[in-house]
Every structure is written in C-alpha cells, then in structure tokens.
Amino acid sequence: MKKVPNLLLLMALAAPAAFAANHDHAGKADAAAPKAQPYKAQAPKIDRAKLDALLAKPDQLLIIDLRRPDEISKIGGFPVYLNIQFAELENNLAFIPKDRAIVTVSNHAGRSGRAADLLAGKGFTVAGWAGAQYYEEEGGKLTKIAPPAPKN
C-alpha cells in the first residue's frame, strides 16, 4: 500500500516539469514561425523627381493624403490634397474625381501603397504612391501647417 502514495507523490512532482517542458517547446515553435511579410504594392512607388513633375501640373493631379490630421500638421504635407484616412477610403470613393491622376501619400508609404492598389482596382487612374517623409529625405519640401489656436 505504501507504493501508491509514493507513486502519487512522484506524479505530482513530475507534472510541473512536464508542463514547463511542453510550454518551453511551444515558445520555441512560435519564435520559429515565419513573420508576416509587409504589403507589396502593385502600383508604382513615386520618388521625389517624379512627384515634383506631377505637382508641376496641379490641374491634372489629385493627392490623397491618408494620414491623420495630427500627422500632417506635425510632419507637413503637400500644398493641395484630399485628406481621407485609409480606413474610410472605400466609403468615400464617390468624392474622388476620376479625371485626374492620383498619388496616394502616407508617412512611409505603407498605407499609400495599399490605397493606390485599392483605387486602381476600382477604376481610378493611379500614378503611384509616396511617403511624405521619404519625399522630404530626398530633398522635397513639405508644407508645414500650423493647427489653429484654440478659441477662448
């Protein structure tokens, strides 16, 4: 009869070690799992020279800035643009003219590449996508927009 309590004691002591070993193995499997690849846009990326050439013909261009207003005021933007956040883009297609070439803009071009592809898929003429901060790093000048002072 003494063997049964010893066996129970051995099982009770071994269970946490078995659980820890199993848990540690699962952690290693998660670490080895492949990471999600960043979105690769089908529309072309536009560099500063190409964007400057498009900006020289403002009557033929529409810049859709996908950034939040606080991002635009902090970083700067382009002189004329339509501001629609990416999450609302599909709900606002009716407000986007189809008679102009479109350039989508975000900070580092993550949102703008996805937006350019979405618009091209909906029949819009998309010239490409750009990142405002990349444009500035390449020597382009962004327009700084100061937010209005609060009303007293």
C-alpha atoms as a PDB file:
ATOM      1  CA  MET A   1       0.000   0.000   0.000  1.00  0.00           C
ATOM      2  CA  LYS A   2       2.926   2.323   0.556  1.00  0.00           C
ATOM      3  CA  LYS A   3       3.762   2.247  -3.162  1.00  0.00           C
ATOM      4  CA  VAL A   4       0.564   4.087  -4.177  1.00  0.00           C
ATOM      5  CA  PRO A   5       1.278   7.270  -2.134  1.00  0.00           C
ATOM      6  CA  ASN A   6       4.880   7.274  -3.431  1.00  0.00           C
ATOM      7  CA  LEU A   7       3.591   6.965  -6.985  1.00  0.00           C
ATOM      8  CA  LEU A   8       1.132   9.828  -6.424  1.00  0.00           C
ATOM      9  CA  LEU A   9       3.917  11.939  -4.949  1.00  0.00           C
ATOM     10  CA  LEU A  10       6.156  11.203  -7.943  1.00  0.00           C
ATOM     11  CA  MET A  11       3.357  12.134 -10.380  1.00  0.00           C
ATOM     12  CA  ALA A  12       2.624  15.348  -8.505  1.00  0.00           C
ATOM     13  CA  LEU A  13       6.291  16.367  -8.645  1.00  0.00           C
ATOM     14  CA  ALA A  14       6.740  15.423 -12.310  1.00  0.00           C
ATOM     15  CA  ALA A  15       3.647  17.239 -13.616  1.00  0.00           C
ATOM     16  CA  PRO A  16       5.036  20.793 -13.328  1.00  0.00           C
ATOM     17  CA  ALA A  17       8.283  19.765 -15.039  1.00  0.00           C
ATOM     18  CA  ALA A  18       6.373  18.115 -17.884  1.00  0.00           C
ATOM     19  CA  PHE A  19       4.165  21.191 -18.270  1.00  0.00           C
ATOM     20  CA  ALA A  20       7.192  23.511 -18.305  1.00  0.00           C
ATOM     21  CA  ALA A  21       8.948  21.404 -20.921  1.00  0.00           C
ATOM     22  CA  ASN A  22       5.862  21.398 -23.108  1.00  0.00           C
ATOM     23  CA  HIS A  23       5.364  25.130 -22.642  1.00  0.00           C
ATOM     24  CA  ASP A  24       9.013  25.891 -23.451  1.00  0.00           C
ATOM     25  CA  HIS A  25       8.779  23.845 -26.643  1.00  0.00           C
ATOM     26  CA  ALA A  26       5.692  25.754 -27.727  1.00  0.00           C
ATOM     27  CA  GLY A  27       7.559  29.050 -27.218  1.00  0.00           C
ATOM     28  CA  LYS A  28      10.360  27.869 -29.487  1.00  0.00           C
ATOM     29  CA  ALA A  29       7.867  26.904 -32.177  1.00  0.00           C
ATOM     30  CA  ASP A  30       6.286  30.384 -32.028  1.00  0.00           C
ATOM     31  CA  ALA A  31       9.702  32.017 -32.367  1.00  0.00           C
ATOM     32  CA  ALA A  32      10.467  29.890 -35.422  1.00  0.00           C
ATOM     33  CA  ALA A  33       7.133  30.715 -37.088  1.00  0.00           C
ATOM     34  CA  PRO A  34       7.546  32.844 -40.223  1.00  0.00           C
ATOM     35  CA  LYS A  35       6.793  36.530 -39.782  1.00  0.00           C
ATOM     36  CA  ALA A  36       4.111  38.212 -41.849  1.00  0.00           C
ATOM     37  CA  GLN A  37       5.549  39.850 -44.929  1.00  0.00           C
ATOM     38  CA  PRO A  38       4.920  43.589 -45.417  1.00  0.00           C
ATOM     39  CA  TYR A  39       2.410  44.529 -48.084  1.00  0.00           C
ATOM     40  CA  LYS A  40       3.979  44.820 -51.540  1.00  0.00           C
ATOM     41  CA  ALA A  41       2.060  47.309 -53.651  1.00  0.00           C
ATOM     42  CA  GLN A  42       1.352  46.640 -57.315  1.00  0.00           C
ATOM     43  CA  ALA A  43       1.151  50.370 -58.133  1.00  0.00           C
ATOM     44  CA  PRO A  44       4.492  52.113 -58.676  1.00  0.00           C
ATOM     45  CA  LYS A  45       6.328  53.957 -55.921  1.00  0.00           C
ATOM     46  CA  ILE A  46       6.935  57.581 -56.829  1.00  0.00           C
ATOM     47  CA  ASP A  47      10.194  59.274 -55.931  1.00  0.00           C
ATOM     48  CA  ARG A  48      10.710  62.995 -55.377  1.00  0.00           C
ATOM     49  CA  ALA A  49      11.613  63.821 -59.003  1.00  0.00           C
ATOM     50  CA  LYS A  50       8.511  62.113 -60.383  1.00  0.00           C
ATOM     51  CA  LEU A  51       6.257  63.651 -57.721  1.00  0.00           C
ATOM     52  CA  ASP A  52       7.693  67.125 -58.387  1.00  0.00           C
ATOM     53  CA  ALA A  53       6.944  66.654 -62.104  1.00  0.00           C
ATOM     54  CA  LEU A  54       3.358  65.690 -61.277  1.00  0.00           C
ATOM     55  CA  LEU A  55       2.994  68.606 -58.848  1.00  0.00           C
ATOM     56  CA  ALA A  56       4.009  70.965 -61.677  1.00  0.00           C
ATOM     57  CA  LYS A  57       0.656  70.156 -63.345  1.00  0.00           C
ATOM     58  CA  PRO A  58      -1.816  70.588 -60.447  1.00  0.00           C
ATOM     59  CA  ASP A  59      -4.841  70.629 -62.762  1.00  0.00           C
ATOM     60  CA  GLN A  60      -4.063  67.026 -63.740  1.00  0.00           C
ATOM     61  CA  LEU A  61      -3.212  65.687 -60.272  1.00  0.00           C
ATOM     62  CA  LEU A  62      -5.009  64.694 -57.105  1.00  0.00           C
ATOM     63  CA  ILE A  63      -3.001  63.893 -53.998  1.00  0.00           C
ATOM     64  CA  ILE A  64      -4.884  61.784 -51.484  1.00  0.00           C
ATOM     65  CA  ASP A  65      -3.194  62.080 -48.104  1.00  0.00           C
ATOM     66  CA  LEU A  66      -4.146  59.102 -45.957  1.00  0.00           C
ATOM     67  CA  ARG A  67      -2.625  60.425 -42.746  1.00  0.00           C
ATOM     68  CA  ARG A  68      -4.428  61.687 -39.682  1.00  0.00           C
ATOM     69  CA  PRO A  69      -4.620  65.487 -39.361  1.00  0.00           C
ATOM     70  CA  ASP A  70      -2.152  65.413 -36.445  1.00  0.00           C
ATOM     71  CA  GLU A  71       0.383  63.574 -38.627  1.00  0.00           C
ATOM     72  CA  ILE A  72       0.008  66.145 -41.386  1.00  0.00           C
ATOM     73  CA  SER A  73       0.413  69.098 -39.021  1.00  0.00           C
ATOM     74  CA  LYS A  74       3.399  67.540 -37.252  1.00  0.00           C
ATOM     75  CA  ILE A  75       5.323  66.308 -40.318  1.00  0.00           C
ATOM     76  CA  GLY A  76       3.977  68.526 -43.090  1.00  0.00           C
ATOM     77  CA  GLY A  77       2.220  67.800 -46.316  1.00  0.00           C
ATOM     78  CA  PHE A  78       1.636  68.962 -49.825  1.00  0.00           C
ATOM     79  CA  PRO A  79       0.084  72.324 -50.739  1.00  0.00           C
ATOM     80  CA  VAL A  80      -3.158  70.841 -52.041  1.00  0.00           C
ATOM     81  CA  TYR A  81      -4.547  67.424 -51.177  1.00  0.00           C
ATOM     82  CA  LEU A  82      -7.652  65.491 -50.284  1.00  0.00           C
ATOM     83  CA  ASN A  83      -7.385  64.022 -46.781  1.00  0.00           C
ATOM     84  CA  ILE A  84      -9.122  60.676 -46.283  1.00  0.00           C
ATOM     85  CA  GLN A  85      -7.852  58.186 -43.720  1.00  0.00           C
ATOM     86  CA  PHE A  86      -7.217  54.728 -45.141  1.00  0.00           C
ATOM     87  CA  ALA A  87      -9.992  53.089 -43.103  1.00  0.00           C
ATOM     88  CA  GLU A  88     -12.524  55.466 -44.687  1.00  0.00           C
ATOM     89  CA  LEU A  89     -11.217  55.415 -48.250  1.00  0.00           C
ATOM     90  CA  GLU A  90     -13.626  52.867 -49.678  1.00  0.00           C
ATOM     91  CA  ASN A  91     -16.606  54.669 -48.095  1.00  0.00           C
ATOM     92  CA  ASN A  92     -15.613  57.928 -49.838  1.00  0.00           C
ATOM     93  CA  LEU A  93     -14.931  56.813 -53.406  1.00  0.00           C
ATOM     94  CA  ALA A  94     -17.827  58.924 -54.698  1.00  0.00           C
ATOM     95  CA  PHE A  95     -15.965  62.092 -53.651  1.00  0.00           C
ATOM     96  CA  ILE A  96     -12.801  61.254 -55.571  1.00  0.00           C
ATOM     97  CA  PRO A  97     -12.676  62.638 -59.127  1.00  0.00           C
ATOM     98  CA  LYS A  98     -11.799  60.177 -61.867  1.00  0.00           C
ATOM     99  CA  ASP A  99     -10.472  62.774 -64.300  1.00  0.00           C
ATOM    100  CA  ARG A 100      -7.094  63.248 -62.599  1.00  0.00           C
ATOM    101  CA  ALA A 101      -4.024  61.140 -61.944  1.00  0.00           C
ATOM    102  CA  ILE A 102      -3.953  60.133 -58.287  1.00  0.00           C
ATOM    103  CA  VAL A 103      -0.974  59.909 -55.972  1.00  0.00           C
ATOM    104  CA  THR A 104      -1.621  58.431 -52.550  1.00  0.00           C
ATOM    105  CA  VAL A 105       0.534  59.638 -49.665  1.00  0.00           C
ATOM    106  CA  SER A 106       1.260  58.419 -46.157  1.00  0.00           C
ATOM    107  CA  ASN A 107       4.277  58.891 -43.866  1.00  0.00           C
ATOM    108  CA  HIS A 108       6.411  55.946 -45.002  1.00  0.00           C
ATOM    109  CA  ALA A 109       4.228  54.710 -47.842  1.00  0.00           C
ATOM    110  CA  GLY A 110       2.698  51.700 -46.058  1.00  0.00           C
ATOM    111  CA  ARG A 111      -0.880  52.915 -46.226  1.00  0.00           C
ATOM    112  CA  SER A 112      -0.385  54.694 -49.534  1.00  0.00           C
ATOM    113  CA  GLY A 113       0.685  51.555 -51.408  1.00  0.00           C
ATOM    114  CA  ARG A 114      -2.406  49.657 -50.260  1.00  0.00           C
ATOM    115  CA  ALA A 115      -4.628  52.651 -51.069  1.00  0.00           C
ATOM    116  CA  ALA A 116      -3.133  53.042 -54.550  1.00  0.00           C
ATOM    117  CA  ASP A 117      -3.886  49.411 -55.317  1.00  0.00           C
ATOM    118  CA  LEU A 118      -7.420  49.713 -53.944  1.00  0.00           C
ATOM    119  CA  LEU A 119      -8.133  52.782 -56.096  1.00  0.00           C
ATOM    120  CA  ALA A 120      -6.607  51.230 -59.215  1.00  0.00           C
ATOM    121  CA  GLY A 121      -8.824  48.189 -58.659  1.00  0.00           C
ATOM    122  CA  LYS A 122     -11.864  50.493 -58.536  1.00  0.00           C
ATOM    123  CA  GLY A 123     -11.055  52.065 -61.920  1.00  0.00           C
ATOM    124  CA  PHE A 124      -9.217  55.218 -60.834  1.00  0.00           C
ATOM    125  CA  THR A 125      -6.134  56.444 -62.706  1.00  0.00           C
ATOM    126  CA  VAL A 126      -3.347  55.962 -60.181  1.00  0.00           C
ATOM    127  CA  ALA A 127       0.054  57.477 -60.950  1.00  0.00           C
ATOM    128  CA  GLY A 128       1.530  55.827 -57.861  1.00  0.00           C
ATOM    129  CA  TRP A 129       2.162  56.147 -54.151  1.00  0.00           C
ATOM    130  CA  ALA A 130       4.664  58.013 -51.996  1.00  0.00           C
ATOM    131  CA  GLY A 131       5.811  58.533 -48.447  1.00  0.00           C
ATOM    132  CA  ALA A 132       5.885  62.144 -47.251  1.00  0.00           C
ATOM    133  CA  GLN A 133       8.896  61.509 -45.047  1.00  0.00           C
ATOM    134  CA  TYR A 134      10.778  59.771 -47.888  1.00  0.00           C
ATOM    135  CA  TYR A 135       9.945  62.722 -50.147  1.00  0.00           C
ATOM    136  CA  GLU A 136      11.401  65.101 -47.573  1.00  0.00           C
ATOM    137  CA  GLU A 137      14.507  62.911 -47.082  1.00  0.00           C
ATOM    138  CA  GLU A 138      15.085  63.105 -50.856  1.00  0.00           C
ATOM    139  CA  GLY A 139      15.152  66.931 -50.618  1.00  0.00           C
ATOM    140  CA  GLY A 140      11.481  67.684 -51.246  1.00  0.00           C
ATOM    141  CA  LYS A 141       9.859  70.492 -49.295  1.00  0.00           C
ATOM    142  CA  LEU A 142       6.711  69.752 -47.324  1.00  0.00           C
ATOM    143  CA  THR A 143       4.275  72.460 -46.349  1.00  0.00           C
ATOM    144  CA  LYS A 144       4.046  72.839 -42.592  1.00  0.00           C
ATOM    145  CA  ILE A 145       0.511  73.514 -41.460  1.00  0.00           C
ATOM    146  CA  ALA A 146       0.122  75.034 -38.020  1.00  0.00           C
ATOM    147  CA  PRO A 147      -3.042  73.958 -36.220  1.00  0.00           C
ATOM    148  CA  PRO A 148      -5.324  76.872 -35.332  1.00  0.00           C
ATOM    149  CA  ALA A 149      -5.102  78.260 -31.824  1.00  0.00           C
ATOM    150  CA  PRO A 150      -7.908  77.154 -29.517  1.00  0.00           C
ATOM    151  CA  LYS A 151     -10.777  79.604 -29.189  1.00  0.00           C
ATOM    152  CA  ASN A 152     -11.227  81.180 -25.772  1.00  0.00           C
END
